[in-house]
PDB file of all heavy atoms in Angstrom:
ATOM      1  N   PHE A   1       0.835  -3.875   2.210  1.00  0.00           N
ATOM      2  CA  PHE A   1      -0.438  -3.362   2.728  1.00  0.00           C
ATOM      3  C   PHE A   1      -1.369  -4.529   3.040  1.00  0.00           C
ATOM      4  O   PHE A   1      -1.321  -5.575   2.403  1.00  0.00           O
ATOM      5  CB  PHE A   1      -1.080  -2.363   1.755  1.00  0.00           C
ATOM      6  CG  PHE A   1      -1.210  -2.835   0.325  1.00  0.00           C
ATOM      7  CD1 PHE A   1      -2.326  -3.557  -0.088  1.00  0.00           C
ATOM      8  CD2 PHE A   1      -0.237  -2.522  -0.618  1.00  0.00           C
ATOM      9  CE1 PHE A   1      -2.464  -3.979  -1.402  1.00  0.00           C
ATOM     10  CE2 PHE A   1      -0.373  -2.939  -1.943  1.00  0.00           C
ATOM     11  CZ  PHE A   1      -1.484  -3.670  -2.336  1.00  0.00           C
ATOM     12  N   TYR A   2      -2.222  -4.297   4.058  1.00  0.00           N
ATOM     13  CA  TYR A   2      -3.094  -5.351   4.571  1.00  0.00           C
ATOM     14  C   TYR A   2      -4.493  -4.784   4.822  1.00  0.00           C
ATOM     15  O   TYR A   2      -4.638  -3.765   5.482  1.00  0.00           O
ATOM     16  CB  TYR A   2      -2.534  -5.928   5.873  1.00  0.00           C
ATOM     17  CG  TYR A   2      -1.105  -6.396   5.759  1.00  0.00           C
ATOM     18  CD1 TYR A   2      -0.057  -5.540   6.056  1.00  0.00           C
ATOM     19  CD2 TYR A   2      -0.811  -7.699   5.341  1.00  0.00           C
ATOM     20  CE1 TYR A   2       1.262  -5.960   5.940  1.00  0.00           C
ATOM     21  CE2 TYR A   2       0.502  -8.123   5.222  1.00  0.00           C
ATOM     22  CZ  TYR A   2       1.529  -7.248   5.521  1.00  0.00           C
ATOM     23  OH  TYR A   2       2.835  -7.660   5.409  1.00  0.00           O
ATOM     24  N   MET A   3      -5.501  -5.456   4.283  1.00  0.00           N
ATOM     25  CA  MET A   3      -6.902  -5.070   4.477  1.00  0.00           C
ATOM     26  C   MET A   3      -7.162  -3.643   3.982  1.00  0.00           C
ATOM     27  O   MET A   3      -7.913  -2.871   4.568  1.00  0.00           O
ATOM     28  CB  MET A   3      -7.297  -5.200   5.948  1.00  0.00           C
ATOM     29  CG  MET A   3      -7.029  -6.558   6.554  1.00  0.00           C
ATOM     30  SD  MET A   3      -8.181  -7.815   5.973  1.00  0.00           S
ATOM     31  CE  MET A   3      -9.613  -7.431   6.967  1.00  0.00           C
ATOM     32  N   GLN A   4      -6.549  -3.272   2.872  1.00  0.00           N
ATOM     33  CA  GLN A   4      -6.560  -1.898   2.395  1.00  0.00           C
ATOM     34  C   GLN A   4      -7.927  -1.471   1.858  1.00  0.00           C
ATOM     35  O   GLN A   4      -8.763  -2.287   1.489  1.00  0.00           O
ATOM     36  CB  GLN A   4      -5.503  -1.725   1.302  1.00  0.00           C
ATOM     37  CG  GLN A   4      -5.927  -2.149  -0.114  1.00  0.00           C
ATOM     38  CD  GLN A   4      -6.087  -3.650  -0.289  1.00  0.00           C
ATOM     39  OE1 GLN A   4      -5.549  -4.429   0.488  1.00  0.00           O
ATOM     40  NE2 GLN A   4      -6.817  -4.071  -1.313  1.00  0.00           N
ATOM     41  N   HIS A   5      -8.121  -0.143   1.828  1.00  0.00           N
ATOM     42  CA  HIS A   5      -9.300   0.484   1.237  1.00  0.00           C
ATOM     43  C   HIS A   5      -8.846   1.700   0.419  1.00  0.00           C
ATOM     44  O   HIS A   5      -7.728   2.160   0.528  1.00  0.00           O
ATOM     45  CB  HIS A   5     -10.276   0.962   2.312  1.00  0.00           C
ATOM     46  CG  HIS A   5     -10.985  -0.145   3.031  1.00  0.00           C
ATOM     47  ND1 HIS A   5     -10.350  -0.968   3.935  1.00  0.00           N
ATOM     48  CD2 HIS A   5     -12.280  -0.559   2.984  1.00  0.00           C
ATOM     49  CE1 HIS A   5     -11.219  -1.841   4.418  1.00  0.00           C
ATOM     50  NE2 HIS A   5     -12.391  -1.617   3.854  1.00  0.00           N
ATOM     51  N   ASP A   6      -9.768   2.207  -0.373  1.00  0.00           N
ATOM     52  CA  ASP A   6      -9.663   3.551  -0.959  1.00  0.00           C
ATOM     53  C   ASP A   6      -8.385   3.810  -1.772  1.00  0.00           C
ATOM     54  O   ASP A   6      -7.380   4.277  -1.233  1.00  0.00           O
ATOM     55  CB  ASP A   6      -9.770   4.595   0.150  1.00  0.00           C
ATOM     56  CG  ASP A   6      -9.998   5.987  -0.431  1.00  0.00           C
ATOM     57  OD1 ASP A   6     -10.506   6.094  -1.558  1.00  0.00           O
ATOM     58  OD2 ASP A   6      -9.660   6.969   0.250  1.00  0.00           O
ATOM     59  N   VAL A   7      -8.462   3.526  -3.046  1.00  0.00           N
ATOM     60  CA  VAL A   7      -7.388   3.844  -3.988  1.00  0.00           C
ATOM     61  C   VAL A   7      -7.697   5.193  -4.635  1.00  0.00           C
ATOM     62  O   VAL A   7      -8.829   5.427  -5.066  1.00  0.00           O
ATOM     63  CB  VAL A   7      -7.279   2.776  -5.095  1.00  0.00           C
ATOM     64  CG1 VAL A   7      -6.122   3.082  -6.024  1.00  0.00           C
ATOM     65  CG2 VAL A   7      -7.142   1.407  -4.483  1.00  0.00           C
ATOM     66  N   ASP A   8      -6.700   6.078  -4.711  1.00  0.00           N
ATOM     67  CA  ASP A   8      -6.878   7.381  -5.369  1.00  0.00           C
ATOM     68  C   ASP A   8      -5.715   7.639  -6.318  1.00  0.00           C
ATOM     69  O   ASP A   8      -4.571   7.277  -6.029  1.00  0.00           O
ATOM     70  CB  ASP A   8      -6.948   8.504  -4.330  1.00  0.00           C
ATOM     71  CG  ASP A   8      -8.223   8.456  -3.513  1.00  0.00           C
ATOM     72  OD1 ASP A   8      -9.304   8.332  -4.112  1.00  0.00           O
ATOM     73  OD2 ASP A   8      -8.134   8.523  -2.273  1.00  0.00           O
ATOM     74  N   ILE A   9      -6.013   8.294  -7.432  1.00  0.00           N
ATOM     75  CA  ILE A   9      -4.978   8.693  -8.393  1.00  0.00           C
ATOM     76  C   ILE A   9      -4.491  10.075  -7.998  1.00  0.00           C
ATOM     77  O   ILE A   9      -5.291  11.010  -7.879  1.00  0.00           O
ATOM     78  CB  ILE A   9      -5.546   8.713  -9.819  1.00  0.00           C
ATOM     79  CG1 ILE A   9      -6.076   7.326 -10.193  1.00  0.00           C
ATOM     80  CG2 ILE A   9      -4.484   9.174 -10.820  1.00  0.00           C
ATOM     81  CD1 ILE A   9      -6.977   7.307 -11.413  1.00  0.00           C
ATOM     82  N   ILE A  10      -3.200  10.243  -7.767  1.00  0.00           N
ATOM     83  CA  ILE A  10      -2.700  11.529  -7.273  1.00  0.00           C
ATOM     84  C   ILE A  10      -1.734  12.212  -8.240  1.00  0.00           C
ATOM     85  O   ILE A  10      -1.358  13.363  -8.010  1.00  0.00           O
ATOM     86  CB  ILE A  10      -2.037  11.370  -5.893  1.00  0.00           C
ATOM     87  CG1 ILE A  10      -0.851  10.411  -5.952  1.00  0.00           C
ATOM     88  CG2 ILE A  10      -3.054  10.875  -4.865  1.00  0.00           C
ATOM     89  CD1 ILE A  10      -0.059  10.353  -4.650  1.00  0.00           C
ATOM     90  N   SER A  11      -1.324  11.520  -9.309  1.00  0.00           N
ATOM     91  CA  SER A  11      -0.489  12.146 -10.336  1.00  0.00           C
ATOM     92  C   SER A  11      -0.589  11.308 -11.606  1.00  0.00           C
ATOM     93  O   SER A  11      -1.358  10.341 -11.649  1.00  0.00           O
ATOM     94  CB  SER A  11       0.981  12.256  -9.875  1.00  0.00           C
ATOM     95  OG  SER A  11       1.633  10.992  -9.921  1.00  0.00           O
ATOM     96  N   ASN A  12       0.177  11.635 -12.617  1.00  0.00           N
ATOM     97  CA  ASN A  12       0.145  10.875 -13.874  1.00  0.00           C
ATOM     98  C   ASN A  12       0.743   9.481 -13.735  1.00  0.00           C
ATOM     99  O   ASN A  12       0.556   8.643 -14.620  1.00  0.00           O
ATOM    100  CB  ASN A  12       0.888  11.641 -14.970  1.00  0.00           C
ATOM    101  CG  ASN A  12       0.083  12.811 -15.494  1.00  0.00           C
ATOM    102  OD1 ASN A  12      -1.146  12.803 -15.415  1.00  0.00           O
ATOM    103  ND2 ASN A  12       0.771  13.823 -16.010  1.00  0.00           N
ATOM    104  N   ASN A  13       1.469   9.241 -12.653  1.00  0.00           N
ATOM    105  CA  ASN A  13       2.104   7.932 -12.503  1.00  0.00           C
ATOM    106  C   ASN A  13       2.041   7.386 -11.079  1.00  0.00           C
ATOM    107  O   ASN A  13       2.704   6.404 -10.759  1.00  0.00           O
ATOM    108  CB  ASN A  13       3.576   8.000 -12.944  1.00  0.00           C
ATOM    109  CG  ASN A  13       4.386   9.021 -12.171  1.00  0.00           C
ATOM    110  OD1 ASN A  13       4.337  10.215 -12.475  1.00  0.00           O
ATOM    111  ND2 ASN A  13       5.115   8.580 -11.163  1.00  0.00           N
ATOM    112  N   GLU A  14       1.214   8.001 -10.190  1.00  0.00           N
ATOM    113  CA  GLU A  14       1.152   7.572  -8.799  1.00  0.00           C
ATOM    114  C   GLU A  14      -0.291   7.392  -8.333  1.00  0.00           C
ATOM    115  O   GLU A  14      -1.192   8.115  -8.753  1.00  0.00           O
ATOM    116  CB  GLU A  14       1.817   8.602  -7.892  1.00  0.00           C
ATOM    117  CG  GLU A  14       3.321   8.750  -8.089  1.00  0.00           C
ATOM    118  CD  GLU A  14       3.868   9.901  -7.270  1.00  0.00           C
ATOM    119  OE1 GLU A  14       3.305  11.016  -7.367  1.00  0.00           O
ATOM    120  OE2 GLU A  14       4.838   9.684  -6.503  1.00  0.00           O
ATOM    121  N   ILE A  15      -0.464   6.430  -7.446  1.00  0.00           N
ATOM    122  CA  ILE A  15      -1.729   6.253  -6.750  1.00  0.00           C
ATOM    123  C   ILE A  15      -1.466   6.238  -5.249  1.00  0.00           C
ATOM    124  O   ILE A  15      -0.357   5.930  -4.810  1.00  0.00           O
ATOM    125  CB  ILE A  15      -2.450   4.947  -7.162  1.00  0.00           C
ATOM    126  CG1 ILE A  15      -1.585   3.717  -6.833  1.00  0.00           C
ATOM    127  CG2 ILE A  15      -2.841   4.965  -8.633  1.00  0.00           C
ATOM    128  CD1 ILE A  15      -2.289   2.381  -7.023  1.00  0.00           C
ATOM    129  N   SER A  16      -2.491   6.574  -4.466  1.00  0.00           N
ATOM    130  CA  SER A  16      -2.399   6.416  -3.013  1.00  0.00           C
ATOM    131  C   SER A  16      -3.269   5.242  -2.605  1.00  0.00           C
ATOM    132  O   SER A  16      -4.291   4.953  -3.227  1.00  0.00           O
ATOM    133  CB  SER A  16      -2.840   7.691  -2.289  1.00  0.00           C
ATOM    134  OG  SER A  16      -4.235   7.883  -2.423  1.00  0.00           O
ATOM    135  N   ILE A  17      -2.861   4.550  -1.550  1.00  0.00           N
ATOM    136  CA  ILE A  17      -3.588   3.397  -1.029  1.00  0.00           C
ATOM    137  C   ILE A  17      -3.772   3.595   0.472  1.00  0.00           C
ATOM    138  O   ILE A  17      -2.798   3.823   1.200  1.00  0.00           O
ATOM    139  CB  ILE A  17      -2.823   2.077  -1.279  1.00  0.00           C
ATOM    140  CG1 ILE A  17      -2.586   1.868  -2.782  1.00  0.00           C
ATOM    141  CG2 ILE A  17      -3.581   0.889  -0.688  1.00  0.00           C
ATOM    142  CD1 ILE A  17      -1.626   0.727  -3.088  1.00  0.00           C
ATOM    143  N   PHE A  18      -5.019   3.516   0.941  1.00  0.00           N
ATOM    144  CA  PHE A  18      -5.308   3.594   2.371  1.00  0.00           C
ATOM    145  C   PHE A  18      -5.062   2.211   2.964  1.00  0.00           C
ATOM    146  O   PHE A  18      -5.870   1.304   2.829  1.00  0.00           O
ATOM    147  CB  PHE A  18      -6.761   4.026   2.576  1.00  0.00           C
ATOM    148  CG  PHE A  18      -7.144   4.253   4.012  1.00  0.00           C
ATOM    149  CD1 PHE A  18      -7.054   5.515   4.586  1.00  0.00           C
ATOM    150  CD2 PHE A  18      -7.619   3.212   4.798  1.00  0.00           C
ATOM    151  CE1 PHE A  18      -7.419   5.727   5.912  1.00  0.00           C
ATOM    152  CE2 PHE A  18      -7.986   3.409   6.124  1.00  0.00           C
ATOM    153  CZ  PHE A  18      -7.882   4.673   6.677  1.00  0.00           C
ATOM    154  N   ASN A  19      -3.911   2.067   3.623  1.00  0.00           N
ATOM    155  CA  ASN A  19      -3.523   0.782   4.197  1.00  0.00           C
ATOM    156  C   ASN A  19      -4.032   0.678   5.624  1.00  0.00           C
ATOM    157  O   ASN A  19      -3.521   1.343   6.531  1.00  0.00           O
ATOM    158  CB  ASN A  19      -1.994   0.638   4.165  1.00  0.00           C
ATOM    159  CG  ASN A  19      -1.529  -0.662   4.808  1.00  0.00           C
ATOM    160  OD1 ASN A  19      -2.287  -1.622   4.910  1.00  0.00           O
ATOM    161  ND2 ASN A  19      -0.275  -0.700   5.232  1.00  0.00           N
ATOM    162  N   ASN A  20      -5.040  -0.168   5.852  1.00  0.00           N
ATOM    163  CA  ASN A  20      -5.563  -0.351   7.205  1.00  0.00           C
ATOM    164  C   ASN A  20      -4.521  -0.950   8.142  1.00  0.00           C
ATOM    165  O   ASN A  20      -4.592  -0.774   9.354  1.00  0.00           O
ATOM    166  CB  ASN A  20      -6.799  -1.248   7.185  1.00  0.00           C
ATOM    167  CG  ASN A  20      -7.993  -0.557   6.571  1.00  0.00           C
ATOM    168  OD1 ASN A  20      -8.025  -0.334   5.365  1.00  0.00           O
ATOM    169  ND2 ASN A  20      -8.969  -0.201   7.376  1.00  0.00           N
ATOM    170  N   ASN A  21      -3.562  -1.682   7.569  1.00  0.00           N
ATOM    171  CA  ASN A  21      -2.472  -2.242   8.371  1.00  0.00           C
ATOM    172  C   ASN A  21      -3.014  -3.141   9.469  1.00  0.00           C
ATOM    173  O   ASN A  21      -2.518  -3.140  10.598  1.00  0.00           O
ATOM    174  CB  ASN A  21      -1.629  -1.113   8.974  1.00  0.00           C
ATOM    175  CG  ASN A  21      -0.148  -1.451   9.004  1.00  0.00           C
ATOM    176  OD1 ASN A  21       0.286  -2.449   8.436  1.00  0.00           O
ATOM    177  ND2 ASN A  21       0.635  -0.624   9.665  1.00  0.00           N
ATOM    178  N   TYR A  22      -4.024  -3.907   9.117  1.00  0.00           N
ATOM    179  CA  TYR A  22      -4.668  -4.840  10.051  1.00  0.00           C
ATOM    180  C   TYR A  22      -4.363  -6.245   9.536  1.00  0.00           C
ATOM    181  O   TYR A  22      -4.767  -6.597   8.436  1.00  0.00           O
ATOM    182  CB  TYR A  22      -6.174  -4.583  10.078  1.00  0.00           C
ATOM    183  CG  TYR A  22      -6.950  -5.435  11.067  1.00  0.00           C
ATOM    184  CD1 TYR A  22      -6.944  -5.142  12.422  1.00  0.00           C
ATOM    185  CD2 TYR A  22      -7.714  -6.517  10.633  1.00  0.00           C
ATOM    186  CE1 TYR A  22      -7.668  -5.897  13.332  1.00  0.00           C
ATOM    187  CE2 TYR A  22      -8.433  -7.282  11.531  1.00  0.00           C
ATOM    188  CZ  TYR A  22      -8.418  -6.972  12.885  1.00  0.00           C
ATOM    189  OH  TYR A  22      -9.131  -7.729  13.772  1.00  0.00           O
ATOM    190  N   PHE A  23      -3.645  -7.029  10.322  1.00  0.00           N
ATOM    191  CA  PHE A  23      -3.215  -8.327   9.810  1.00  0.00           C
ATOM    192  C   PHE A  23      -3.254  -9.363  10.923  1.00  0.00           C
ATOM    193  O   PHE A  23      -3.430  -9.043  12.107  1.00  0.00           O
ATOM    194  CB  PHE A  23      -1.819  -8.237   9.188  1.00  0.00           C
ATOM    195  CG  PHE A  23      -0.784  -7.586  10.050  1.00  0.00           C
ATOM    196  CD1 PHE A  23       0.019  -8.337  10.884  1.00  0.00           C
ATOM    197  CD2 PHE A  23      -0.606  -6.211  10.005  1.00  0.00           C
ATOM    198  CE1 PHE A  23       0.980  -7.746  11.677  1.00  0.00           C
ATOM    199  CE2 PHE A  23       0.353  -5.605  10.804  1.00  0.00           C
ATOM    200  CZ  PHE A  23       1.148  -6.368  11.635  1.00  0.00           C
ATOM    201  N   PHE A  24      -3.071 -10.603  10.531  1.00  0.00           N
ATOM    202  CA  PHE A  24      -3.185 -11.709  11.471  1.00  0.00           C
ATOM    203  C   PHE A  24      -1.820 -12.326  11.749  1.00  0.00           C
ATOM    204  O   PHE A  24      -1.024 -12.533  10.835  1.00  0.00           O
ATOM    205  CB  PHE A  24      -4.154 -12.762  10.939  1.00  0.00           C
ATOM    206  CG  PHE A  24      -5.584 -12.314  10.985  1.00  0.00           C
ATOM    207  CD1 PHE A  24      -6.088 -11.474  10.017  1.00  0.00           C
ATOM    208  CD2 PHE A  24      -6.415 -12.712  12.015  1.00  0.00           C
ATOM    209  CE1 PHE A  24      -7.394 -11.023  10.064  1.00  0.00           C
ATOM    210  CE2 PHE A  24      -7.722 -12.274  12.077  1.00  0.00           C
ATOM    211  CZ  PHE A  24      -8.214 -11.433  11.104  1.00  0.00           C
ATOM    212  N   THR A  25      -1.588 -12.608  13.012  1.00  0.00           N
ATOM    213  CA  THR A  25      -0.368 -13.272  13.439  1.00  0.00           C
ATOM    214  C   THR A  25      -0.752 -14.555  14.175  1.00  0.00           C
ATOM    215  O   THR A  25      -1.928 -14.820  14.418  1.00  0.00           O
ATOM    216  CB  THR A  25       0.450 -12.369  14.381  1.00  0.00           C
ATOM    217  OG1 THR A  25      -0.240 -12.271  15.645  1.00  0.00           O
ATOM    218  CG2 THR A  25       0.627 -10.967  13.793  1.00  0.00           C
ATOM    219  N   LYS A  26       0.227 -15.330  14.556  1.00  0.00           N
ATOM    220  CA  LYS A  26      -0.066 -16.573  15.274  1.00  0.00           C
ATOM    221  C   LYS A  26      -0.687 -16.302  16.641  1.00  0.00           C
ATOM    222  O   LYS A  26      -1.295 -17.180  17.245  1.00  0.00           O
ATOM    223  CB  LYS A  26       1.211 -17.405  15.431  1.00  0.00           C
ATOM    224  CG  LYS A  26       2.295 -16.744  16.271  1.00  0.00           C
ATOM    225  CD  LYS A  26       3.528 -17.630  16.356  1.00  0.00           C
ATOM    226  CE  LYS A  26       4.618 -16.987  17.214  1.00  0.00           C
ATOM    227  NZ  LYS A  26       5.814 -17.851  17.303  1.00  0.00           N
ATOM    228  N   ASN A  27      -0.526 -15.055  17.122  1.00  0.00           N
ATOM    229  CA  ASN A  27      -1.110 -14.684  18.408  1.00  0.00           C
ATOM    230  C   ASN A  27      -2.436 -13.934  18.264  1.00  0.00           C
ATOM    231  O   ASN A  27      -2.960 -13.410  19.244  1.00  0.00           O
ATOM    232  CB  ASN A  27      -0.123 -13.816  19.196  1.00  0.00           C
ATOM    233  CG  ASN A  27       1.141 -14.573  19.543  1.00  0.00           C
ATOM    234  OD1 ASN A  27       1.087 -15.734  19.939  1.00  0.00           O
ATOM    235  ND2 ASN A  27       2.281 -13.920  19.383  1.00  0.00           N
ATOM    236  N   GLY A  28      -2.945 -13.881  17.030  1.00  0.00           N
ATOM    237  CA  GLY A  28      -4.225 -13.218  16.812  1.00  0.00           C
ATOM    238  C   GLY A  28      -4.081 -11.972  15.941  1.00  0.00           C
ATOM    239  O   GLY A  28      -2.987 -11.636  15.465  1.00  0.00           O
ATOM    240  N   PRO A  29      -5.200 -11.238  15.721  1.00  0.00           N
ATOM    241  CA  PRO A  29      -5.163 -10.050  14.858  1.00  0.00           C
ATOM    242  C   PRO A  29      -4.360  -8.915  15.486  1.00  0.00           C
ATOM    243  O   PRO A  29      -4.305  -8.769  16.709  1.00  0.00           O
ATOM    244  CB  PRO A  29      -6.647  -9.684  14.711  1.00  0.00           C
ATOM    245  CG  PRO A  29      -7.312 -10.295  15.893  1.00  0.00           C
ATOM    246  CD  PRO A  29      -6.561 -11.541  16.210  1.00  0.00           C
ATOM    247  N   LYS A  30      -3.760  -8.108  14.613  1.00  0.00           N
ATOM    248  CA  LYS A  30      -2.950  -6.980  15.072  1.00  0.00           C
ATOM    249  C   LYS A  30      -3.332  -5.746  14.262  1.00  0.00           C
ATOM    250  O   LYS A  30      -3.358  -5.780  13.031  1.00  0.00           O
ATOM    251  CB  LYS A  30      -1.460  -7.297  14.881  1.00  0.00           C
ATOM    252  CG  LYS A  30      -0.522  -6.311  15.564  1.00  0.00           C
ATOM    253  CD  LYS A  30       0.917  -6.794  15.493  1.00  0.00           C
ATOM    254  CE  LYS A  30       1.840  -5.866  16.261  1.00  0.00           C
ATOM    255  NZ  LYS A  30       3.253  -6.329  16.193  1.00  0.00           N
ATOM    256  N   ASN A  31      -3.658  -4.668  14.962  1.00  0.00           N
ATOM    257  CA  ASN A  31      -4.100  -3.432  14.317  1.00  0.00           C
ATOM    258  C   ASN A  31      -3.074  -2.332  14.563  1.00  0.00           C
ATOM    259  O   ASN A  31      -3.018  -1.745  15.633  1.00  0.00           O
ATOM    260  CB  ASN A  31      -5.476  -3.037  14.863  1.00  0.00           C
ATOM    261  CG  ASN A  31      -6.122  -1.891  14.106  1.00  0.00           C
ATOM    262  OD1 ASN A  31      -7.067  -1.289  14.568  1.00  0.00           O
ATOM    263  ND2 ASN A  31      -5.616  -1.604  12.911  1.00  0.00           N
ATOM    264  N   GLU A  32      -2.247  -2.071  13.553  1.00  0.00           N
ATOM    265  CA  GLU A  32      -1.251  -1.012  13.638  1.00  0.00           C
ATOM    266  C   GLU A  32      -1.861   0.302  13.140  1.00  0.00           C
ATOM    267  O   GLU A  32      -2.988   0.336  12.644  1.00  0.00           O
ATOM    268  CB  GLU A  32      -0.027  -1.376  12.790  1.00  0.00           C
ATOM    269  CG  GLU A  32       0.658  -2.665  13.199  1.00  0.00           C
ATOM    270  CD  GLU A  32       1.464  -2.528  14.475  1.00  0.00           C
ATOM    271  OE1 GLU A  32       1.473  -1.432  15.071  1.00  0.00           O
ATOM    272  OE2 GLU A  32       2.077  -3.526  14.914  1.00  0.00           O
ATOM    273  N   ASN A  33      -1.116   1.396  13.263  1.00  0.00           N
ATOM    274  CA  ASN A  33      -1.557   2.657  12.685  1.00  0.00           C
ATOM    275  C   ASN A  33      -1.763   2.493  11.184  1.00  0.00           C
ATOM    276  O   ASN A  33      -1.018   1.766  10.523  1.00  0.00           O
ATOM    277  CB  ASN A  33      -0.515   3.757  12.930  1.00  0.00           C
ATOM    278  CG  ASN A  33      -0.564   4.299  14.338  1.00  0.00           C
ATOM    279  OD1 ASN A  33      -1.633   4.641  14.848  1.00  0.00           O
ATOM    280  ND2 ASN A  33       0.588   4.386  14.985  1.00  0.00           N
ATOM    281  N   ILE A  34      -2.769   3.191  10.674  1.00  0.00           N
ATOM    282  CA  ILE A  34      -2.979   3.152   9.224  1.00  0.00           C
ATOM    283  C   ILE A  34      -1.791   3.802   8.509  1.00  0.00           C
ATOM    284  O   ILE A  34      -0.998   4.540   9.119  1.00  0.00           O
ATOM    285  CB  ILE A  34      -4.303   3.850   8.822  1.00  0.00           C
ATOM    286  CG1 ILE A  34      -4.250   5.357   9.150  1.00  0.00           C
ATOM    287  CG2 ILE A  34      -5.486   3.195   9.494  1.00  0.00           C
ATOM    288  CD1 ILE A  34      -4.085   6.244   7.970  1.00  0.00           C
ATOM    289  N   GLU A  35      -1.659   3.535   7.238  1.00  0.00           N
ATOM    290  CA  GLU A  35      -0.610   4.151   6.427  1.00  0.00           C
ATOM    291  C   GLU A  35      -1.224   4.680   5.134  1.00  0.00           C
ATOM    292  O   GLU A  35      -2.110   4.051   4.559  1.00  0.00           O
ATOM    293  CB  GLU A  35       0.487   3.145   6.083  1.00  0.00           C
ATOM    294  CG  GLU A  35       1.281   2.651   7.280  1.00  0.00           C
ATOM    295  CD  GLU A  35       2.287   1.577   6.915  1.00  0.00           C
ATOM    296  OE1 GLU A  35       2.096   0.911   5.875  1.00  0.00           O
ATOM    297  OE2 GLU A  35       3.261   1.399   7.664  1.00  0.00           O
ATOM    298  N   ILE A  36      -0.759   5.831   4.697  1.00  0.00           N
ATOM    299  CA  ILE A  36      -1.106   6.346   3.375  1.00  0.00           C
ATOM    300  C   ILE A  36       0.076   6.023   2.464  1.00  0.00           C
ATOM    301  O   ILE A  36       1.104   6.693   2.494  1.00  0.00           O
ATOM    302  CB  ILE A  36      -1.370   7.865   3.397  1.00  0.00           C
ATOM    303  CG1 ILE A  36      -2.406   8.215   4.480  1.00  0.00           C
ATOM    304  CG2 ILE A  36      -1.831   8.332   2.024  1.00  0.00           C
ATOM    305  CD1 ILE A  36      -3.742   7.543   4.304  1.00  0.00           C
ATOM    306  N   LEU A  37      -0.073   4.950   1.702  1.00  0.00           N
ATOM    307  CA  LEU A  37       1.010   4.497   0.836  1.00  0.00           C
ATOM    308  C   LEU A  37       0.884   5.142  -0.551  1.00  0.00           C
ATOM    309  O   LEU A  37      -0.220   5.280  -1.086  1.00  0.00           O
ATOM    310  CB  LEU A  37       0.975   2.977   0.676  1.00  0.00           C
ATOM    311  CG  LEU A  37       1.219   2.144   1.939  1.00  0.00           C
ATOM    312  CD1 LEU A  37       1.140   0.660   1.593  1.00  0.00           C
ATOM    313  CD2 LEU A  37       2.566   2.469   2.562  1.00  0.00           C
ATOM    314  N   ILE A  38       2.025   5.504  -1.099  1.00  0.00           N
ATOM    315  CA  ILE A  38       2.083   6.044  -2.468  1.00  0.00           C
ATOM    316  C   ILE A  38       2.824   5.023  -3.329  1.00  0.00           C
ATOM    317  O   ILE A  38       3.981   4.683  -3.042  1.00  0.00           O
ATOM    318  CB  ILE A  38       2.820   7.402  -2.521  1.00  0.00           C
ATOM    319  CG1 ILE A  38       2.246   8.367  -1.475  1.00  0.00           C
ATOM    320  CG2 ILE A  38       2.733   7.983  -3.923  1.00  0.00           C
ATOM    321  CD1 ILE A  38       0.784   8.664  -1.630  1.00  0.00           C
ATOM    322  N   TYR A  39       2.134   4.543  -4.368  1.00  0.00           N
ATOM    323  CA  TYR A  39       2.780   3.596  -5.286  1.00  0.00           C
ATOM    324  C   TYR A  39       3.119   4.321  -6.582  1.00  0.00           C
ATOM    325  O   TYR A  39       2.247   4.927  -7.219  1.00  0.00           O
ATOM    326  CB  TYR A  39       1.859   2.413  -5.595  1.00  0.00           C
ATOM    327  CG  TYR A  39       2.466   1.427  -6.567  1.00  0.00           C
ATOM    328  CD1 TYR A  39       3.497   0.573  -6.183  1.00  0.00           C
ATOM    329  CD2 TYR A  39       2.035   1.382  -7.898  1.00  0.00           C
ATOM    330  CE1 TYR A  39       4.077  -0.311  -7.077  1.00  0.00           C
ATOM    331  CE2 TYR A  39       2.596   0.498  -8.800  1.00  0.00           C
ATOM    332  CZ  TYR A  39       3.620  -0.346  -8.392  1.00  0.00           C
ATOM    333  OH  TYR A  39       4.189  -1.219  -9.284  1.00  0.00           O
ATOM    334  N   ASP A  40       4.395   4.250  -6.972  1.00  0.00           N
ATOM    335  CA  ASP A  40       4.900   4.898  -8.181  1.00  0.00           C
ATOM    336  C   ASP A  40       5.026   3.862  -9.290  1.00  0.00           C
ATOM    337  O   ASP A  40       5.835   2.929  -9.192  1.00  0.00           O
ATOM    338  CB  ASP A  40       6.258   5.543  -7.886  1.00  0.00           C
ATOM    339  CG  ASP A  40       6.738   6.434  -9.022  1.00  0.00           C
ATOM    340  OD1 ASP A  40       6.321   6.226 -10.182  1.00  0.00           O
ATOM    341  OD2 ASP A  40       7.537   7.349  -8.747  1.00  0.00           O
ATOM    342  N   PHE A  41       4.222   4.014 -10.339  1.00  0.00           N
ATOM    343  CA  PHE A  41       4.267   3.084 -11.464  1.00  0.00           C
ATOM    344  C   PHE A  41       5.600   3.155 -12.194  1.00  0.00           C
ATOM    345  O   PHE A  41       6.043   2.163 -12.787  1.00  0.00           O
ATOM    346  CB  PHE A  41       3.130   3.386 -12.446  1.00  0.00           C
ATOM    347  CG  PHE A  41       1.813   2.759 -12.073  1.00  0.00           C
ATOM    348  CD1 PHE A  41       1.122   3.179 -10.954  1.00  0.00           C
ATOM    349  CD2 PHE A  41       1.261   1.746 -12.842  1.00  0.00           C
ATOM    350  CE1 PHE A  41      -0.090   2.609 -10.603  1.00  0.00           C
ATOM    351  CE2 PHE A  41       0.061   1.160 -12.506  1.00  0.00           C
ATOM    352  CZ  PHE A  41      -0.625   1.591 -11.383  1.00  0.00           C
ATOM    353  N   LYS A  42       6.232   4.302 -12.165  1.00  0.00           N
ATOM    354  CA  LYS A  42       7.484   4.491 -12.904  1.00  0.00           C
ATOM    355  C   LYS A  42       8.609   3.653 -12.300  1.00  0.00           C
ATOM    356  O   LYS A  42       9.415   3.051 -13.022  1.00  0.00           O
ATOM    357  CB  LYS A  42       7.874   5.974 -12.900  1.00  0.00           C
ATOM    358  CG  LYS A  42       9.065   6.317 -13.774  1.00  0.00           C
ATOM    359  CD  LYS A  42       9.396   7.811 -13.674  1.00  0.00           C
ATOM    360  CE  LYS A  42       8.243   8.651 -14.177  1.00  0.00           C
ATOM    361  NZ  LYS A  42       8.559  10.105 -14.159  1.00  0.00           N
TER     362      LYS A  42
END
């Protein structure tokens, strides 16, 4: 994830992360579609 915002707890062992998916390359900044990532602690 890149330039992320907004962490939310969605279960006893998972969080969601609002991934802006905005990152820098040698040709300049790149803005992809956002992603709703789920991270499982287990």
